[in-house]
């Protein structure tokens, strides 16, 4: 496992959620239904971290598309 993938995931997540503690909680504890119910960290350990990257990039793309709409709270919560 590469520390680089965790750093990439964290940096992408930080663009959605500025609270570092919430990001770490999400990384370790949130089961992502669209990725088989695994946590982001479980996927990293299974060499599937790129799936998490893709999910976060898609969420960022969606956010960029919705800039004119009111901001929605807890964006990371929508990724599970």
PDB file of N, CA and C in Angstrom:
ATOM      1  N   UNK A   1       0.850  -1.187   0.000  1.00  0.00           N
ATOM      2  CA  UNK A   1       0.000   0.000   0.000  1.00  0.00           C
ATOM      3  C   UNK A   1       0.887   1.238   0.000  1.00  0.00           C
ATOM      4  N   UNK A   2       0.505   2.189  -0.743  1.00  0.00           N
ATOM      5  CA  UNK A   2       1.279   3.415  -0.851  1.00  0.00           C
ATOM      6  C   UNK A   2       0.635   4.519  -0.033  1.00  0.00           C
ATOM      7  N   UNK A   3       1.476   5.251   0.705  1.00  0.00           N
ATOM      8  CA  UNK A   3       0.955   6.421   1.417  1.00  0.00           C
ATOM      9  C   UNK A   3       0.407   7.442   0.427  1.00  0.00           C
ATOM     10  N   UNK A   4       0.906   7.405  -0.798  1.00  0.00           N
ATOM     11  CA  UNK A   4       0.460   8.360  -1.807  1.00  0.00           C
ATOM     12  C   UNK A   4      -1.022   8.291  -2.085  1.00  0.00           C
ATOM     13  N   UNK A   5      -1.585   7.098  -2.127  1.00  0.00           N
ATOM     14  CA  UNK A   5      -3.012   6.973  -2.424  1.00  0.00           C
ATOM     15  C   UNK A   5      -3.848   7.539  -1.284  1.00  0.00           C
ATOM     16  N   UNK A   6      -3.419   7.324  -0.050  1.00  0.00           N
ATOM     17  CA  UNK A   6      -4.153   7.884   1.090  1.00  0.00           C
ATOM     18  C   UNK A   6      -4.076   9.405   1.059  1.00  0.00           C
ATOM     19  N   UNK A   7      -2.923   9.920   0.732  1.00  0.00           N
ATOM     20  CA  UNK A   7      -2.776  11.372   0.623  1.00  0.00           C
ATOM     21  C   UNK A   7      -3.683  11.921  -0.477  1.00  0.00           C
ATOM     22  N   UNK A   8      -3.737  11.237  -1.614  1.00  0.00           N
ATOM     23  CA  UNK A   8      -4.605  11.689  -2.712  1.00  0.00           C
ATOM     24  C   UNK A   8      -6.067  11.667  -2.283  1.00  0.00           C
ATOM     25  N   UNK A   9      -6.477  10.595  -1.623  1.00  0.00           N
ATOM     26  CA  UNK A   9      -7.861  10.488  -1.159  1.00  0.00           C
ATOM     27  C   UNK A   9      -8.164  11.605  -0.162  1.00  0.00           C
ATOM     28  N   UNK A  10      -7.262  11.794   0.791  1.00  0.00           N
ATOM     29  CA  UNK A  10      -7.475  12.827   1.806  1.00  0.00           C
ATOM     30  C   UNK A  10      -7.572  14.206   1.159  1.00  0.00           C
ATOM     31  N   UNK A  11      -6.671  14.509   0.228  1.00  0.00           N
ATOM     32  CA  UNK A  11      -6.681  15.825  -0.419  1.00  0.00           C
ATOM     33  C   UNK A  11      -7.954  16.050  -1.230  1.00  0.00           C
ATOM     34  N   UNK A  12      -8.432  15.023  -1.909  1.00  0.00           N
ATOM     35  CA  UNK A  12      -9.693  15.168  -2.640  1.00  0.00           C
ATOM     36  C   UNK A  12     -10.859  15.361  -1.675  1.00  0.00           C
ATOM     37  N   UNK A  13     -10.885  14.565  -0.617  1.00  0.00           N
ATOM     38  CA  UNK A  13     -11.962  14.687   0.370  1.00  0.00           C
ATOM     39  C   UNK A  13     -11.956  16.067   1.024  1.00  0.00           C
ATOM     40  N   UNK A  14     -10.758  16.625   1.214  1.00  0.00           N
ATOM     41  CA  UNK A  14     -10.646  17.952   1.833  1.00  0.00           C
ATOM     42  C   UNK A  14     -11.260  19.037   0.954  1.00  0.00           C
ATOM     43  N   UNK A  15     -11.389  18.779  -0.322  1.00  0.00           N
ATOM     44  CA  UNK A  15     -12.046  19.743  -1.210  1.00  0.00           C
ATOM     45  C   UNK A  15     -13.568  19.710  -1.033  1.00  0.00           C
ATOM     46  N   UNK A  16     -14.062  18.622  -0.466  1.00  0.00           N
ATOM     47  CA  UNK A  16     -15.495  18.489  -0.187  1.00  0.00           C
ATOM     48  C   UNK A  16     -15.842  18.825   1.252  1.00  0.00           C
ATOM     49  N   UNK A  17     -14.904  18.552   2.153  1.00  0.00           N
ATOM     50  CA  UNK A  17     -15.143  18.738   3.584  1.00  0.00           C
ATOM     51  C   UNK A  17     -13.883  19.285   4.239  1.00  0.00           C
ATOM     52  N   UNK A  18     -13.918  20.518   4.738  1.00  0.00           N
ATOM     53  CA  UNK A  18     -12.709  21.119   5.315  1.00  0.00           C
ATOM     54  C   UNK A  18     -12.334  20.590   6.701  1.00  0.00           C
ATOM     55  N   UNK A  19     -13.245  19.932   7.400  1.00  0.00           N
ATOM     56  CA  UNK A  19     -12.965  19.439   8.746  1.00  0.00           C
ATOM     57  C   UNK A  19     -12.152  18.146   8.667  1.00  0.00           C
ATOM     58  N   UNK A  20     -10.878  18.240   9.032  1.00  0.00           N
ATOM     59  CA  UNK A  20      -9.963  17.097   8.928  1.00  0.00           C
ATOM     60  C   UNK A  20     -10.425  15.902   9.762  1.00  0.00           C
ATOM     61  N   UNK A  21     -10.993  16.159  10.924  1.00  0.00           N
ATOM     62  CA  UNK A  21     -11.463  15.054  11.766  1.00  0.00           C
ATOM     63  C   UNK A  21     -12.587  14.295  11.074  1.00  0.00           C
ATOM     64  N   UNK A  22     -13.507  15.011  10.453  1.00  0.00           N
ATOM     65  CA  UNK A  22     -14.589  14.347   9.729  1.00  0.00           C
ATOM     66  C   UNK A  22     -14.051  13.520   8.568  1.00  0.00           C
ATOM     67  N   UNK A  23     -13.015  14.023   7.915  1.00  0.00           N
ATOM     68  CA  UNK A  23     -12.423  13.265   6.808  1.00  0.00           C
ATOM     69  C   UNK A  23     -11.824  11.961   7.328  1.00  0.00           C
ATOM     70  N   UNK A  24     -11.051  12.041   8.427  1.00  0.00           N
ATOM     71  CA  UNK A  24     -10.455  10.829   8.988  1.00  0.00           C
ATOM     72  C   UNK A  24     -11.532   9.857   9.432  1.00  0.00           C
ATOM     73  N   UNK A  25     -12.597  10.354  10.068  1.00  0.00           N
ATOM     74  CA  UNK A  25     -13.703   9.487  10.471  1.00  0.00           C
ATOM     75  C   UNK A  25     -14.322   8.807   9.254  1.00  0.00           C
ATOM     76  N   UNK A  26     -14.525   9.569   8.197  1.00  0.00           N
ATOM     77  CA  UNK A  26     -15.081   9.016   6.956  1.00  0.00           C
ATOM     78  C   UNK A  26     -14.151   7.948   6.394  1.00  0.00           C
ATOM     79  N   UNK A  27     -12.871   8.247   6.335  1.00  0.00           N
ATOM     80  CA  UNK A  27     -11.883   7.326   5.766  1.00  0.00           C
ATOM     81  C   UNK A  27     -11.876   5.986   6.509  1.00  0.00           C
ATOM     82  N   UNK A  28     -11.952   6.036   7.829  1.00  0.00           N
ATOM     83  CA  UNK A  28     -11.842   4.832   8.645  1.00  0.00           C
ATOM     84  C   UNK A  28     -13.171   4.131   8.925  1.00  0.00           C
ATOM     85  N   UNK A  29     -14.271   4.882   9.002  1.00  0.00           N
ATOM     86  CA  UNK A  29     -15.497   4.308   9.565  1.00  0.00           C
ATOM     87  C   UNK A  29     -16.718   4.284   8.663  1.00  0.00           C
ATOM     88  N   UNK A  30     -16.755   5.092   7.620  1.00  0.00           N
ATOM     89  CA  UNK A  30     -17.959   5.149   6.795  1.00  0.00           C
ATOM     90  C   UNK A  30     -17.942   4.052   5.745  1.00  0.00           C
ATOM     91  N   UNK A  31     -18.973   3.215   5.787  1.00  0.00           N
ATOM     92  CA  UNK A  31     -19.118   2.148   4.800  1.00  0.00           C
ATOM     93  C   UNK A  31     -19.786   2.751   3.561  1.00  0.00           C
ATOM     94  N   UNK A  32     -19.100   2.674   2.441  1.00  0.00           N
ATOM     95  CA  UNK A  32     -19.554   3.309   1.205  1.00  0.00           C
ATOM     96  C   UNK A  32     -20.370   2.294   0.414  1.00  0.00           C
ATOM     97  N   UNK A  33     -21.678   2.470   0.431  1.00  0.00           N
ATOM     98  CA  UNK A  33     -22.589   1.508  -0.201  1.00  0.00           C
ATOM     99  C   UNK A  33     -22.278   1.297  -1.677  1.00  0.00           C
ATOM    100  N   UNK A  34     -21.958   2.373  -2.381  1.00  0.00           N
ATOM    101  CA  UNK A  34     -21.705   2.258  -3.820  1.00  0.00           C
ATOM    102  C   UNK A  34     -20.394   1.533  -4.131  1.00  0.00           C
ATOM    103  N   UNK A  35     -19.580   1.296  -3.106  1.00  0.00           N
ATOM    104  CA  UNK A  35     -18.324   0.561  -3.288  1.00  0.00           C
ATOM    105  C   UNK A  35     -18.340  -0.730  -2.458  1.00  0.00           C
ATOM    106  N   UNK A  36     -19.479  -1.397  -2.464  1.00  0.00           N
ATOM    107  CA  UNK A  36     -19.592  -2.692  -1.817  1.00  0.00           C
ATOM    108  C   UNK A  36     -19.717  -2.653  -0.308  1.00  0.00           C
ATOM    109  N   UNK A  37     -19.984  -1.485   0.250  1.00  0.00           N
ATOM    110  CA  UNK A  37     -20.150  -1.363   1.690  1.00  0.00           C
ATOM    111  C   UNK A  37     -18.842  -1.327   2.459  1.00  0.00           C
ATOM    112  N   UNK A  38     -17.730  -1.146   1.743  1.00  0.00           N
ATOM    113  CA  UNK A  38     -16.421  -1.082   2.385  1.00  0.00           C
ATOM    114  C   UNK A  38     -16.081   0.357   2.764  1.00  0.00           C
ATOM    115  N   UNK A  39     -15.194   0.501   3.727  1.00  0.00           N
ATOM    116  CA  UNK A  39     -14.679   1.838   4.037  1.00  0.00           C
ATOM    117  C   UNK A  39     -13.612   2.193   3.003  1.00  0.00           C
ATOM    118  N   UNK A  40     -13.301   3.467   2.924  1.00  0.00           N
ATOM    119  CA  UNK A  40     -12.250   3.904   2.008  1.00  0.00           C
ATOM    120  C   UNK A  40     -10.931   3.224   2.359  1.00  0.00           C
ATOM    121  N   UNK A  41     -10.630   3.119   3.638  1.00  0.00           N
ATOM    122  CA  UNK A  41      -9.375   2.507   4.053  1.00  0.00           C
ATOM    123  C   UNK A  41      -9.333   1.013   3.712  1.00  0.00           C
ATOM    124  N   UNK A  42     -10.449   0.321   3.877  1.00  0.00           N
ATOM    125  CA  UNK A  42     -10.492  -1.088   3.486  1.00  0.00           C
ATOM    126  C   UNK A  42     -10.180  -1.240   2.007  1.00  0.00           C
ATOM    127  N   UNK A  43     -10.722  -0.355   1.202  1.00  0.00           N
ATOM    128  CA  UNK A  43     -10.466  -0.413  -0.240  1.00  0.00           C
ATOM    129  C   UNK A  43      -9.002  -0.124  -0.558  1.00  0.00           C
ATOM    130  N   UNK A  44      -8.393   0.802   0.163  1.00  0.00           N
ATOM    131  CA  UNK A  44      -6.969   1.087  -0.036  1.00  0.00           C
ATOM    132  C   UNK A  44      -6.155  -0.162   0.271  1.00  0.00           C
ATOM    133  N   UNK A  45      -6.435  -0.812   1.391  1.00  0.00           N
ATOM    134  CA  UNK A  45      -5.695  -2.015   1.779  1.00  0.00           C
ATOM    135  C   UNK A  45      -5.899  -3.156   0.787  1.00  0.00           C
ATOM    136  N   UNK A  46      -7.027  -3.152   0.088  1.00  0.00           N
ATOM    137  CA  UNK A  46      -7.313  -4.181  -0.909  1.00  0.00           C
ATOM    138  C   UNK A  46      -6.838  -3.766  -2.301  1.00  0.00           C
ATOM    139  N   UNK A  47      -5.993  -2.740  -2.358  1.00  0.00           N
ATOM    140  CA  UNK A  47      -5.484  -2.204  -3.634  1.00  0.00           C
ATOM    141  C   UNK A  47      -6.601  -1.723  -4.554  1.00  0.00           C
ATOM    142  N   UNK A  48      -7.662  -1.203  -3.946  1.00  0.00           N
ATOM    143  CA  UNK A  48      -8.796  -0.667  -4.698  1.00  0.00           C
ATOM    144  C   UNK A  48      -8.992   0.820  -4.418  1.00  0.00           C
ATOM    145  N   UNK A  49      -7.945   1.480  -3.983  1.00  0.00           N
ATOM    146  CA  UNK A  49      -8.023   2.896  -3.650  1.00  0.00           C
ATOM    147  C   UNK A  49      -8.430   3.779  -4.817  1.00  0.00           C
ATOM    148  N   UNK A  50      -8.111   3.336  -6.035  1.00  0.00           N
ATOM    149  CA  UNK A  50      -8.497   4.132  -7.209  1.00  0.00           C
ATOM    150  C   UNK A  50     -10.015   4.252  -7.332  1.00  0.00           C
ATOM    151  N   UNK A  51     -10.752   3.271  -6.803  1.00  0.00           N
ATOM    152  CA  UNK A  51     -12.215   3.375  -6.805  1.00  0.00           C
ATOM    153  C   UNK A  51     -12.666   4.535  -5.926  1.00  0.00           C
ATOM    154  N   UNK A  52     -11.988   4.718  -4.810  1.00  0.00           N
ATOM    155  CA  UNK A  52     -12.307   5.830  -3.901  1.00  0.00           C
ATOM    156  C   UNK A  52     -11.958   7.151  -4.585  1.00  0.00           C
ATOM    157  N   UNK A  53     -10.801   7.181  -5.247  1.00  0.00           N
ATOM    158  CA  UNK A  53     -10.391   8.378  -5.998  1.00  0.00           C
ATOM    159  C   UNK A  53     -11.464   8.735  -7.025  1.00  0.00           C
ATOM    160  N   UNK A  54     -11.922   7.745  -7.776  1.00  0.00           N
ATOM    161  CA  UNK A  54     -12.942   7.989  -8.804  1.00  0.00           C
ATOM    162  C   UNK A  54     -14.230   8.516  -8.199  1.00  0.00           C
ATOM    163  N   UNK A  55     -14.631   7.937  -7.067  1.00  0.00           N
ATOM    164  CA  UNK A  55     -15.842   8.391  -6.382  1.00  0.00           C
ATOM    165  C   UNK A  55     -15.715   9.854  -5.956  1.00  0.00           C
ATOM    166  N   UNK A  56     -14.584  10.197  -5.356  1.00  0.00           N
ATOM    167  CA  UNK A  56     -14.372  11.577  -4.906  1.00  0.00           C
ATOM    168  C   UNK A  56     -14.278  12.546  -6.087  1.00  0.00           C
ATOM    169  N   UNK A  57     -13.606  12.135  -7.150  1.00  0.00           N
ATOM    170  CA  UNK A  57     -13.520  12.999  -8.332  1.00  0.00           C
ATOM    171  C   UNK A  57     -14.902  13.240  -8.929  1.00  0.00           C
ATOM    172  N   UNK A  58     -15.724  12.199  -8.950  1.00  0.00           N
ATOM    173  CA  UNK A  58     -17.099  12.361  -9.456  1.00  0.00           C
ATOM    174  C   UNK A  58     -17.884  13.318  -8.565  1.00  0.00           C
ATOM    175  N   UNK A  59     -17.718  13.192  -7.250  1.00  0.00           N
ATOM    176  CA  UNK A  59     -18.408  14.093  -6.320  1.00  0.00           C
ATOM    177  C   UNK A  59     -17.936  15.527  -6.516  1.00  0.00           C
ATOM    178  N   UNK A  60     -16.642  15.704  -6.728  1.00  0.00           N
ATOM    179  CA  UNK A  60     -16.121  17.056  -6.975  1.00  0.00           C
ATOM    180  C   UNK A  60     -16.665  17.612  -8.280  1.00  0.00           C
ATOM    181  N   UNK A  61     -16.759  16.785  -9.279  1.00  0.00           N
ATOM    182  CA  UNK A  61     -17.321  17.224 -10.562  1.00  0.00           C
ATOM    183  C   UNK A  61     -18.775  17.634 -10.379  1.00  0.00           C
ATOM    184  N   UNK A  62     -19.525  16.826  -9.620  1.00  0.00           N
ATOM    185  CA  UNK A  62     -20.926  17.159  -9.341  1.00  0.00           C
ATOM    186  C   UNK A  62     -21.033  18.479  -8.586  1.00  0.00           C
ATOM    187  N   UNK A  63     -20.136  18.684  -7.612  1.00  0.00           N
ATOM    188  CA  UNK A  63     -20.151  19.927  -6.843  1.00  0.00           C
ATOM    189  C   UNK A  63     -19.852  21.123  -7.737  1.00  0.00           C
ATOM    190  N   UNK A  64     -18.893  20.969  -8.632  1.00  0.00           N
ATOM    191  CA  UNK A  64     -18.546  22.064  -9.544  1.00  0.00           C
ATOM    192  C   UNK A  64     -19.742  22.397 -10.440  1.00  0.00           C
ATOM    193  N   UNK A  65     -20.505  21.380 -10.795  1.00  0.00           N
ATOM    194  CA  UNK A  65     -21.682  21.586 -11.643  1.00  0.00           C
ATOM    195  C   UNK A  65     -22.814  22.278 -10.901  1.00  0.00           C
ATOM    196  N   UNK A  66     -22.800  22.201  -9.567  1.00  0.00           N
ATOM    197  CA  UNK A  66     -23.887  22.751  -8.756  1.00  0.00           C
ATOM    198  C   UNK A  66     -23.498  24.040  -8.043  1.00  0.00           C
ATOM    199  N   UNK A  67     -22.492  24.731  -8.503  1.00  0.00           N
ATOM    200  CA  UNK A  67     -21.999  25.936  -7.814  1.00  0.00           C
ATOM    201  C   UNK A  67     -23.096  26.969  -7.599  1.00  0.00           C
ATOM    202  N   UNK A  68     -24.079  27.019  -8.457  1.00  0.00           N
ATOM    203  CA  UNK A  68     -25.119  28.032  -8.331  1.00  0.00           C
ATOM    204  C   UNK A  68     -26.210  27.640  -7.339  1.00  0.00           C
ATOM    205  N   UNK A  69     -26.214  26.378  -6.908  1.00  0.00           N
ATOM    206  CA  UNK A  69     -27.209  25.922  -5.948  1.00  0.00           C
ATOM    207  C   UNK A  69     -26.704  26.151  -4.530  1.00  0.00           C
ATOM    208  N   UNK A  70     -27.590  26.240  -3.556  1.00  0.00           N
ATOM    209  CA  UNK A  70     -27.149  26.390  -2.167  1.00  0.00           C
ATOM    210  C   UNK A  70     -26.267  25.216  -1.755  1.00  0.00           C
ATOM    211  N   UNK A  71     -25.251  25.506  -0.944  1.00  0.00           N
ATOM    212  CA  UNK A  71     -24.346  24.465  -0.481  1.00  0.00           C
ATOM    213  C   UNK A  71     -25.080  23.510   0.444  1.00  0.00           C
ATOM    214  N   UNK A  72     -24.819  22.223   0.277  1.00  0.00           N
ATOM    215  CA  UNK A  72     -25.461  21.219   1.105  1.00  0.00           C
ATOM    216  C   UNK A  72     -24.481  20.775   2.187  1.00  0.00           C
ATOM    217  N   UNK A  73     -24.952  20.592   3.411  1.00  0.00           N
ATOM    218  CA  UNK A  73     -24.071  20.192   4.513  1.00  0.00           C
ATOM    219  C   UNK A  73     -23.615  18.750   4.373  1.00  0.00           C
ATOM    220  N   UNK A  74     -22.492  18.440   5.001  1.00  0.00           N
ATOM    221  CA  UNK A  74     -21.943  17.101   5.136  1.00  0.00           C
ATOM    222  C   UNK A  74     -21.842  16.377   3.793  1.00  0.00           C
ATOM    223  N   UNK A  75     -21.045  16.927   2.906  1.00  0.00           N
ATOM    224  CA  UNK A  75     -20.903  16.373   1.574  1.00  0.00           C
ATOM    225  C   UNK A  75     -20.351  14.961   1.592  1.00  0.00           C
ATOM    226  N   UNK A  76     -19.444  14.642   2.510  1.00  0.00           N
ATOM    227  CA  UNK A  76     -18.900  13.290   2.563  1.00  0.00           C
ATOM    228  C   UNK A  76     -19.975  12.267   2.921  1.00  0.00           C
ATOM    229  N   UNK A  77     -20.972  12.679   3.669  1.00  0.00           N
ATOM    230  CA  UNK A  77     -22.041  11.752   4.047  1.00  0.00           C
ATOM    231  C   UNK A  77     -22.799  11.268   2.810  1.00  0.00           C
ATOM    232  N   UNK A  78     -22.821  12.069   1.775  1.00  0.00           N
ATOM    233  CA  UNK A  78     -23.518  11.659   0.557  1.00  0.00           C
ATOM    234  C   UNK A  78     -22.755  10.578  -0.199  1.00  0.00           C
ATOM    235  N   UNK A  79     -21.502  10.330   0.186  1.00  0.00           N
ATOM    236  CA  UNK A  79     -20.696   9.347  -0.538  1.00  0.00           C
ATOM    237  C   UNK A  79     -20.780   7.950   0.050  1.00  0.00           C
ATOM    238  N   UNK A  80     -21.689   7.713   0.935  1.00  0.00           N
ATOM    239  CA  UNK A  80     -21.787   6.356   1.462  1.00  0.00           C
ATOM    240  C   UNK A  80     -23.079   5.694   1.070  1.00  0.00           C
TER     241      UNK A  80
END
